[in-house]
Amino acid sequence: MFTNENIVAILFRLINFAALIAAAMFLYKKYIKCDLLCMIAEQKASHEHLYEQQLSFEQQQVALDTLLKEESILCKNFRTKIDEWKKAITLEQEITQKIHAQELIAGKQRAATIAENREQEKVRAIVTQQVTANLQKTLMLHFKDAQKNADYLKAITHFMDERAS
């Protein structure tokens, strides 16, 4: 019946090989395929997550660039305002210094005028005292004589009468 042992050996080898392939496929489907699919799904999810992060980071970068430009513009505007304020304050300080210098000069002039007026008052007081004293002596000497008193009074009354008429 069996004519050739080699054919049977080859047939069993093919059957063994097919059984081995079937067992490998069974083990692959039962244990390895599930794990591989899970790993592939995890890799895809990780890849999608990384892609979403990249998009998010790009949006954040765009937002930060916009914010940076806005901040730069605000900074320039602020510097311009600071320069304007600085100029205004410098001008105001110069005006204040000029006014202060003018007030100082005016104060010195007032002080000099007051000192001069006081000196003049002192001179007037001294002159008035001396003139009054000399005038009293002179008038006392002049009016010691009764005739001179009477003549003086007549001259005054005559002058007043002429004025009244």
N, C-alpha and C. Protein backbone atom coordinates (compact mmCIF):
# COMPACT_ATOMS: atom_id res chain seq x y z
N MET A 1 0.77 -1.15 0.00
CA MET A 1 0.00 0.00 0.00
C MET A 1 0.84 1.25 0.00
N PHE A 2 1.64 1.34 0.94
CA PHE A 2 2.50 2.51 0.89
C PHE A 2 3.68 2.15 0.04
N THR A 3 3.73 2.80 -0.99
CA THR A 3 4.80 2.48 -1.90
C THR A 3 6.04 3.26 -1.59
N ASN A 4 5.82 4.37 -1.16
CA ASN A 4 7.03 5.15 -0.95
C ASN A 4 6.96 5.78 0.45
N GLU A 5 7.93 5.52 1.22
CA GLU A 5 7.99 6.08 2.58
C GLU A 5 8.31 7.56 2.54
N ASN A 6 8.93 7.94 1.54
CA ASN A 6 9.31 9.35 1.42
C ASN A 6 8.07 10.23 1.25
N ILE A 7 7.10 9.73 0.54
CA ILE A 7 5.90 10.52 0.32
C ILE A 7 5.17 10.67 1.64
N VAL A 8 5.12 9.61 2.42
CA VAL A 8 4.45 9.66 3.72
C VAL A 8 5.22 10.62 4.63
N ALA A 9 6.52 10.56 4.61
CA ALA A 9 7.33 11.43 5.46
C ALA A 9 7.11 12.89 5.05
N ILE A 10 7.03 13.11 3.75
CA ILE A 10 6.83 14.48 3.28
C ILE A 10 5.42 14.92 3.66
N LEU A 11 4.45 14.03 3.52
CA LEU A 11 3.09 14.36 3.88
C LEU A 11 2.98 14.69 5.36
N PHE A 12 3.59 13.90 6.23
CA PHE A 12 3.58 14.19 7.65
C PHE A 12 4.34 15.49 7.97
N ARG A 13 5.37 15.67 7.24
CA ARG A 13 6.11 16.92 7.46
C ARG A 13 5.21 18.10 7.10
N LEU A 14 4.47 18.02 6.01
CA LEU A 14 3.56 19.09 5.60
C LEU A 14 2.44 19.25 6.63
N ILE A 15 1.92 18.12 7.13
CA ILE A 15 0.86 18.18 8.14
C ILE A 15 1.41 18.79 9.42
N ASN A 16 2.59 18.37 9.83
CA ASN A 16 3.23 18.95 11.03
C ASN A 16 3.49 20.46 10.83
N PHE A 17 3.96 20.79 9.62
CA PHE A 17 4.24 22.18 9.35
C PHE A 17 2.95 23.00 9.38
N ALA A 18 1.87 22.44 8.80
CA ALA A 18 0.59 23.12 8.80
C ALA A 18 0.06 23.24 10.22
N ALA A 19 0.24 22.17 11.04
CA ALA A 19 -0.21 22.22 12.42
C ALA A 19 0.59 23.26 13.19
N LEU A 20 1.86 23.30 12.91
CA LEU A 20 2.73 24.28 13.58
C LEU A 20 2.30 25.71 13.18
N ILE A 21 2.01 25.93 11.91
CA ILE A 21 1.56 27.24 11.45
C ILE A 21 0.21 27.57 12.07
N ALA A 22 -0.71 26.59 12.14
CA ALA A 22 -2.02 26.82 12.74
C ALA A 22 -1.87 27.15 14.21
N ALA A 23 -1.00 26.45 14.92
CA ALA A 23 -0.78 26.73 16.34
C ALA A 23 -0.18 28.13 16.51
N ALA A 24 0.76 28.47 15.62
CA ALA A 24 1.37 29.81 15.71
C ALA A 24 0.32 30.87 15.44
N MET A 25 -0.54 30.64 14.45
CA MET A 25 -1.59 31.60 14.16
C MET A 25 -2.57 31.69 15.32
N PHE A 26 -2.91 30.57 15.92
CA PHE A 26 -3.82 30.57 17.07
C PHE A 26 -3.20 31.37 18.22
N LEU A 27 -1.96 31.08 18.55
CA LEU A 27 -1.29 31.80 19.64
C LEU A 27 -1.15 33.29 19.29
N TYR A 28 -0.84 33.56 18.01
CA TYR A 28 -0.71 34.96 17.60
C TYR A 28 -2.03 35.68 17.78
N LYS A 29 -3.15 35.08 17.30
CA LYS A 29 -4.45 35.72 17.40
C LYS A 29 -4.90 35.83 18.84
N LYS A 30 -4.64 34.83 19.66
CA LYS A 30 -5.14 34.82 21.02
C LYS A 30 -4.34 35.76 21.92
N TYR A 31 -3.04 35.75 21.82
CA TYR A 31 -2.23 36.49 22.79
C TYR A 31 -1.52 37.73 22.18
N ILE A 32 -0.91 37.57 21.05
CA ILE A 32 -0.04 38.61 20.53
C ILE A 32 -0.83 39.68 19.78
N LYS A 33 -1.81 39.29 18.99
CA LYS A 33 -2.55 40.25 18.17
C LYS A 33 -3.23 41.31 19.03
N CYS A 34 -3.87 40.89 20.10
CA CYS A 34 -4.56 41.82 20.99
C CYS A 34 -3.59 42.83 21.57
N ASP A 35 -2.45 42.32 22.05
CA ASP A 35 -1.43 43.22 22.62
C ASP A 35 -0.87 44.17 21.56
N LEU A 36 -0.63 43.63 20.36
CA LEU A 36 -0.12 44.48 19.29
C LEU A 36 -1.13 45.55 18.90
N LEU A 37 -2.40 45.18 18.80
CA LEU A 37 -3.43 46.16 18.46
C LEU A 37 -3.55 47.22 19.55
N CYS A 38 -3.46 46.78 20.81
CA CYS A 38 -3.50 47.74 21.93
C CYS A 38 -2.31 48.69 21.86
N MET A 39 -1.14 48.14 21.58
CA MET A 39 0.05 48.98 21.48
C MET A 39 -0.06 49.95 20.30
N ILE A 40 -0.60 49.44 19.17
CA ILE A 40 -0.79 50.32 18.00
C ILE A 40 -1.79 51.42 18.34
N ALA A 41 -2.88 51.08 19.02
CA ALA A 41 -3.89 52.07 19.41
C ALA A 41 -3.27 53.10 20.37
N GLU A 42 -2.47 52.60 21.31
CA GLU A 42 -1.81 53.52 22.24
C GLU A 42 -0.86 54.46 21.49
N GLN A 43 -0.11 53.90 20.53
CA GLN A 43 0.81 54.72 19.74
C GLN A 43 0.05 55.77 18.93
N LYS A 44 -1.10 55.33 18.34
CA LYS A 44 -1.91 56.28 17.58
C LYS A 44 -2.46 57.37 18.50
N ALA A 45 -2.97 56.95 19.67
CA ALA A 45 -3.50 57.92 20.64
C ALA A 45 -2.40 58.87 21.09
N SER A 46 -1.22 58.31 21.36
CA SER A 46 -0.09 59.15 21.76
C SER A 46 0.29 60.11 20.64
N HIS A 47 0.29 59.59 19.41
CA HIS A 47 0.62 60.43 18.26
C HIS A 47 -0.42 61.55 18.10
N GLU A 48 -1.71 61.21 18.23
CA GLU A 48 -2.76 62.22 18.14
C GLU A 48 -2.65 63.23 19.27
N HIS A 49 -2.35 62.74 20.47
CA HIS A 49 -2.18 63.65 21.61
C HIS A 49 -1.01 64.61 21.36
N LEU A 50 0.08 64.07 20.86
CA LEU A 50 1.24 64.92 20.55
C LEU A 50 0.89 65.93 19.45
N TYR A 51 0.13 65.48 18.46
CA TYR A 51 -0.28 66.38 17.39
C TYR A 51 -1.17 67.50 17.95
N GLU A 52 -2.12 67.13 18.83
CA GLU A 52 -2.98 68.14 19.46
C GLU A 52 -2.16 69.10 20.32
N GLN A 53 -1.18 68.56 21.02
CA GLN A 53 -0.30 69.42 21.82
C GLN A 53 0.47 70.38 20.91
N GLN A 54 0.94 69.87 19.77
CA GLN A 54 1.66 70.72 18.84
C GLN A 54 0.76 71.86 18.37
N LEU A 55 -0.49 71.52 18.00
CA LEU A 55 -1.43 72.55 17.57
C LEU A 55 -1.69 73.56 18.69
N SER A 56 -1.87 73.04 19.90
CA SER A 56 -2.11 73.91 21.05
C SER A 56 -0.91 74.82 21.29
N PHE A 57 0.29 74.25 21.21
CA PHE A 57 1.51 75.05 21.41
C PHE A 57 1.67 76.10 20.31
N GLU A 58 1.30 75.73 19.07
CA GLU A 58 1.38 76.70 17.99
C GLU A 58 0.40 77.84 18.21
N GLN A 59 -0.82 77.51 18.69
CA GLN A 59 -1.80 78.55 19.00
C GLN A 59 -1.30 79.43 20.14
N GLN A 60 -0.72 78.81 21.15
CA GLN A 60 -0.16 79.58 22.26
C GLN A 60 0.97 80.48 21.77
N GLN A 61 1.80 79.95 20.86
CA GLN A 61 2.90 80.74 20.31
C GLN A 61 2.36 81.95 19.56
N VAL A 62 1.31 81.73 18.77
CA VAL A 62 0.70 82.84 18.03
C VAL A 62 0.13 83.87 19.02
N ALA A 63 -0.56 83.37 20.05
CA ALA A 63 -1.11 84.28 21.06
C ALA A 63 0.00 85.04 21.78
N LEU A 64 1.08 84.36 22.12
CA LEU A 64 2.20 85.02 22.78
C LEU A 64 2.87 86.04 21.86
N ASP A 65 3.00 85.71 20.58
CA ASP A 65 3.56 86.66 19.63
C ASP A 65 2.69 87.92 19.54
N THR A 66 1.37 87.71 19.48
CA THR A 66 0.44 88.84 19.44
C THR A 66 0.56 89.66 20.71
N LEU A 67 0.59 88.98 21.85
CA LEU A 67 0.72 89.67 23.13
C LEU A 67 2.03 90.42 23.20
N LEU A 68 3.10 89.82 22.69
CA LEU A 68 4.41 90.47 22.68
C LEU A 68 4.38 91.74 21.83
N LYS A 69 3.73 91.67 20.68
CA LYS A 69 3.61 92.85 19.82
C LYS A 69 2.81 93.95 20.52
N GLU A 70 1.69 93.54 21.16
CA GLU A 70 0.88 94.52 21.88
C GLU A 70 1.66 95.15 23.02
N GLU A 71 2.40 94.32 23.76
CA GLU A 71 3.21 94.82 24.87
C GLU A 71 4.30 95.77 24.35
N SER A 72 4.87 95.43 23.21
CA SER A 72 5.89 96.29 22.61
C SER A 72 5.31 97.64 22.24
N ILE A 73 4.12 97.63 21.66
CA ILE A 73 3.46 98.89 21.30
C ILE A 73 3.13 99.68 22.56
N LEU A 74 2.61 99.01 23.59
CA LEU A 74 2.31 99.69 24.84
C LEU A 74 3.57 100.28 25.47
N CYS A 75 4.65 99.53 25.39
CA CYS A 75 5.93 99.99 25.94
C CYS A 75 6.40 101.25 25.21
N LYS A 76 6.31 101.23 23.88
CA LYS A 76 6.70 102.41 23.10
C LYS A 76 5.83 103.61 23.46
N ASN A 77 4.52 103.38 23.58
CA ASN A 77 3.61 104.47 23.96
C ASN A 77 3.95 105.00 25.34
N PHE A 78 4.26 104.09 26.25
CA PHE A 78 4.61 104.49 27.62
C PHE A 78 5.90 105.30 27.62
N ARG A 79 6.89 104.86 26.84
CA ARG A 79 8.14 105.61 26.75
C ARG A 79 7.90 107.00 26.18
N THR A 80 7.02 107.09 25.18
CA THR A 80 6.69 108.40 24.60
C THR A 80 6.05 109.29 25.65
N LYS A 81 5.11 108.73 26.41
CA LYS A 81 4.46 109.51 27.47
C LYS A 81 5.46 109.92 28.53
N ILE A 82 6.35 109.03 28.89
CA ILE A 82 7.37 109.36 29.90
C ILE A 82 8.24 110.50 29.40
N ASP A 83 8.63 110.44 28.13
CA ASP A 83 9.44 111.53 27.56
C ASP A 83 8.68 112.86 27.58
N GLU A 84 7.39 112.81 27.24
CA GLU A 84 6.58 114.02 27.27
C GLU A 84 6.47 114.56 28.69
N TRP A 85 6.22 113.67 29.66
CA TRP A 85 6.13 114.08 31.06
C TRP A 85 7.45 114.68 31.53
N LYS A 86 8.54 114.05 31.11
CA LYS A 86 9.86 114.52 31.51
C LYS A 86 10.10 115.93 30.97
N LYS A 87 9.74 116.14 29.70
CA LYS A 87 9.89 117.48 29.12
C LYS A 87 9.03 118.50 29.86
N ALA A 88 7.79 118.11 30.15
CA ALA A 88 6.88 119.02 30.85
C ALA A 88 7.42 119.36 32.24
N ILE A 89 7.91 118.35 32.95
CA ILE A 89 8.44 118.59 34.29
C ILE A 89 9.69 119.45 34.22
N THR A 90 10.55 119.20 33.24
CA THR A 90 11.76 120.01 33.09
C THR A 90 11.39 121.46 32.81
N LEU A 91 10.44 121.66 31.91
CA LEU A 91 9.99 123.01 31.60
C LEU A 91 9.39 123.68 32.83
N GLU A 92 8.58 122.94 33.57
CA GLU A 92 7.96 123.47 34.78
C GLU A 92 9.01 123.82 35.82
N GLN A 93 10.03 122.98 35.96
CA GLN A 93 11.10 123.27 36.92
C GLN A 93 11.87 124.52 36.51
N GLU A 94 12.13 124.68 35.21
CA GLU A 94 12.82 125.87 34.74
C GLU A 94 12.01 127.12 35.04
N ILE A 95 10.70 127.04 34.77
CA ILE A 95 9.82 128.19 35.04
C ILE A 95 9.82 128.48 36.54
N THR A 96 9.73 127.44 37.36
CA THR A 96 9.73 127.62 38.81
C THR A 96 11.04 128.24 39.27
N GLN A 97 12.16 127.81 38.70
CA GLN A 97 13.45 128.38 39.07
C GLN A 97 13.53 129.86 38.68
N LYS A 98 13.01 130.19 37.49
CA LYS A 98 13.01 131.59 37.07
C LYS A 98 12.15 132.43 38.00
N ILE A 99 10.96 131.92 38.33
CA ILE A 99 10.07 132.65 39.25
C ILE A 99 10.75 132.81 40.60
N HIS A 100 11.39 131.75 41.08
CA HIS A 100 12.08 131.82 42.37
C HIS A 100 13.19 132.85 42.33
N ALA A 101 13.96 132.87 41.22
CA ALA A 101 15.04 133.85 41.09
C ALA A 101 14.48 135.26 41.07
N GLN A 102 13.36 135.48 40.35
CA GLN A 102 12.73 136.79 40.31
C GLN A 102 12.23 137.20 41.69
N GLU A 103 11.61 136.25 42.41
CA GLU A 103 11.13 136.54 43.75
C GLU A 103 12.28 136.85 44.69
N LEU A 104 13.39 136.16 44.51
CA LEU A 104 14.57 136.41 45.34
C LEU A 104 15.11 137.82 45.08
N ILE A 105 15.18 138.19 43.80
CA ILE A 105 15.63 139.54 43.45
C ILE A 105 14.67 140.58 44.00
N ALA A 106 13.36 140.33 43.85
CA ALA A 106 12.36 141.27 44.36
C ALA A 106 12.46 141.37 45.88
N GLY A 107 12.68 140.25 46.55
CA GLY A 107 12.84 140.27 48.02
C GLY A 107 14.05 141.07 48.43
N LYS A 108 15.16 140.91 47.71
CA LYS A 108 16.37 141.68 48.02
C LYS A 108 16.12 143.17 47.79
N GLN A 109 15.42 143.49 46.70
CA GLN A 109 15.11 144.89 46.43
C GLN A 109 14.20 145.46 47.53
N ARG A 110 13.19 144.67 47.94
CA ARG A 110 12.31 145.13 49.02
C ARG A 110 13.09 145.34 50.30
N ALA A 111 13.99 144.40 50.59
CA ALA A 111 14.80 144.53 51.81
C ALA A 111 15.68 145.77 51.73
N ALA A 112 16.25 146.02 50.54
CA ALA A 112 17.09 147.21 50.38
C ALA A 112 16.24 148.47 50.52
N THR A 113 15.04 148.48 49.93
CA THR A 113 14.15 149.63 50.03
C THR A 113 13.74 149.87 51.48
N ILE A 114 13.38 148.79 52.18
CA ILE A 114 12.98 148.90 53.59
C ILE A 114 14.15 149.44 54.42
N ALA A 115 15.34 148.91 54.16
CA ALA A 115 16.52 149.38 54.91
C ALA A 115 16.77 150.86 54.61
N GLU A 116 16.60 151.25 53.34
CA GLU A 116 16.80 152.66 52.98
C GLU A 116 15.75 153.54 53.63
N ASN A 117 14.48 153.07 53.63
CA ASN A 117 13.41 153.85 54.28
C ASN A 117 13.67 153.98 55.78
N ARG A 118 14.12 152.92 56.41
CA ARG A 118 14.43 153.00 57.85
C ARG A 118 15.55 154.00 58.11
N GLU A 119 16.55 153.96 57.24
CA GLU A 119 17.67 154.89 57.38
C GLU A 119 17.18 156.33 57.21
N GLN A 120 16.30 156.52 56.22
CA GLN A 120 15.75 157.86 56.01
C GLN A 120 14.92 158.30 57.21
N GLU A 121 14.14 157.37 57.78
CA GLU A 121 13.34 157.69 58.96
C GLU A 121 14.23 158.07 60.14
N LYS A 122 15.33 157.34 60.30
CA LYS A 122 16.27 157.68 61.38
C LYS A 122 16.85 159.07 61.16
N VAL A 123 17.23 159.34 59.89
CA VAL A 123 17.78 160.66 59.58
C VAL A 123 16.74 161.74 59.82
N ARG A 124 15.49 161.48 59.38
CA ARG A 124 14.40 162.45 59.60
C ARG A 124 14.18 162.69 61.09
N ALA A 125 14.18 161.57 61.85
CA ALA A 125 13.95 161.72 63.30
C ALA A 125 15.05 162.57 63.92
N ILE A 126 16.29 162.27 63.53
CA ILE A 126 17.42 163.04 64.09
C ILE A 126 17.33 164.50 63.65
N VAL A 127 17.06 164.73 62.36
CA VAL A 127 16.97 166.10 61.84
C VAL A 127 15.79 166.82 62.48
N THR A 128 14.65 166.12 62.59
CA THR A 128 13.46 166.73 63.20
C THR A 128 13.75 167.15 64.63
N GLN A 129 14.39 166.28 65.39
CA GLN A 129 14.72 166.62 66.78
C GLN A 129 15.64 167.84 66.84
N GLN A 130 16.65 167.82 65.98
CA GLN A 130 17.60 168.95 66.00
C GLN A 130 16.93 170.23 65.53
N VAL A 131 16.12 170.13 64.44
CA VAL A 131 15.44 171.32 63.92
C VAL A 131 14.45 171.85 64.95
N THR A 132 13.70 170.92 65.58
CA THR A 132 12.73 171.34 66.59
C THR A 132 13.42 172.03 67.75
N ALA A 133 14.51 171.43 68.20
CA ALA A 133 15.24 172.04 69.32
C ALA A 133 15.79 173.40 68.92
N ASN A 134 16.40 173.50 67.73
CA ASN A 134 16.94 174.79 67.27
C ASN A 134 15.83 175.80 67.05
N LEU A 135 14.70 175.35 66.47
CA LEU A 135 13.58 176.25 66.22
C LEU A 135 13.01 176.78 67.52
N GLN A 136 12.88 175.90 68.53
CA GLN A 136 12.37 176.34 69.82
C GLN A 136 13.30 177.41 70.42
N LYS A 137 14.58 177.14 70.35
CA LYS A 137 15.53 178.13 70.90
C LYS A 137 15.45 179.45 70.14
N THR A 138 15.38 179.32 68.81
CA THR A 138 15.35 180.54 67.99
C THR A 138 14.06 181.31 68.22
N LEU A 139 12.93 180.60 68.25
CA LEU A 139 11.64 181.27 68.48
C LEU A 139 11.56 181.86 69.88
N MET A 140 12.10 181.15 70.84
CA MET A 140 12.09 181.67 72.21
C MET A 140 12.91 182.96 72.27
N LEU A 141 14.04 182.94 71.59
CA LEU A 141 14.87 184.15 71.58
C LEU A 141 14.18 185.26 70.80
N HIS A 142 13.54 184.88 69.68
CA HIS A 142 12.89 185.87 68.83
C HIS A 142 11.67 186.50 69.51
N PHE A 143 10.89 185.68 70.21
CA PHE A 143 9.66 186.19 70.83
C PHE A 143 9.84 186.57 72.29
N LYS A 144 11.02 186.73 72.76
CA LYS A 144 11.24 187.21 74.14
C LYS A 144 10.76 188.65 74.27
N ASP A 145 10.94 189.35 73.24
CA ASP A 145 10.52 190.75 73.23
C ASP A 145 9.01 190.79 73.03
N ALA A 146 8.24 191.56 73.85
CA ALA A 146 6.79 191.64 73.81
C ALA A 146 6.32 192.37 72.57
N GLN A 147 7.08 193.31 72.12
CA GLN A 147 6.71 194.06 70.92
C GLN A 147 6.69 193.13 69.70
N LYS A 148 7.65 192.26 69.60
CA LYS A 148 7.71 191.32 68.48
C LYS A 148 6.53 190.38 68.53
N ASN A 149 6.11 189.93 69.73
CA ASN A 149 4.93 189.06 69.88
C ASN A 149 3.69 189.76 69.36
N ALA A 150 3.52 190.99 69.75
CA ALA A 150 2.33 191.74 69.37
C ALA A 150 2.32 191.98 67.86
N ASP A 151 3.49 192.37 67.29
CA ASP A 151 3.56 192.59 65.85
C ASP A 151 3.24 191.29 65.08
N TYR A 152 3.73 190.19 65.56
CA TYR A 152 3.51 188.90 64.91
C TYR A 152 2.03 188.54 64.95
N LEU A 153 1.39 188.71 66.09
CA LEU A 153 -0.04 188.41 66.22
C LEU A 153 -0.86 189.33 65.32
N LYS A 154 -0.49 190.63 65.23
CA LYS A 154 -1.21 191.56 64.34
C LYS A 154 -1.06 191.12 62.89
N ALA A 155 0.13 190.70 62.51
CA ALA A 155 0.36 190.27 61.14
C ALA A 155 -0.49 189.03 60.82
N ILE A 156 -0.61 188.12 61.73
CA ILE A 156 -1.40 186.90 61.53
C ILE A 156 -2.88 187.25 61.41
N THR A 157 -3.39 188.10 62.31
CA THR A 157 -4.81 188.46 62.27
C THR A 157 -5.12 189.25 61.00
N HIS A 158 -4.22 190.11 60.59
CA HIS A 158 -4.41 190.88 59.37
C HIS A 158 -4.44 189.92 58.16
N PHE A 159 -3.56 188.95 58.14
CA PHE A 159 -3.51 187.95 57.05
C PHE A 159 -4.82 187.15 57.00
N MET A 160 -5.33 186.78 58.16
CA MET A 160 -6.57 186.00 58.22
C MET A 160 -7.76 186.85 57.82
N ASP A 161 -7.73 188.10 58.17
CA ASP A 161 -8.83 188.99 57.78
C ASP A 161 -8.85 189.15 56.26
N GLU A 162 -7.71 189.28 55.67
CA GLU A 162 -7.64 189.42 54.23
C GLU A 162 -8.14 188.13 53.55
N ARG A 163 -7.85 187.07 54.12
CA ARG A 163 -8.29 185.77 53.56
C ARG A 163 -9.79 185.61 53.69
N ALA A 164 -10.29 186.01 54.80
CA ALA A 164 -11.73 185.85 55.04
C ALA A 164 -12.54 186.73 54.12
N SER A 165 -12.05 187.90 53.76
CA SER A 165 -12.82 188.82 52.93
C SER A 165 -12.64 188.59 51.47
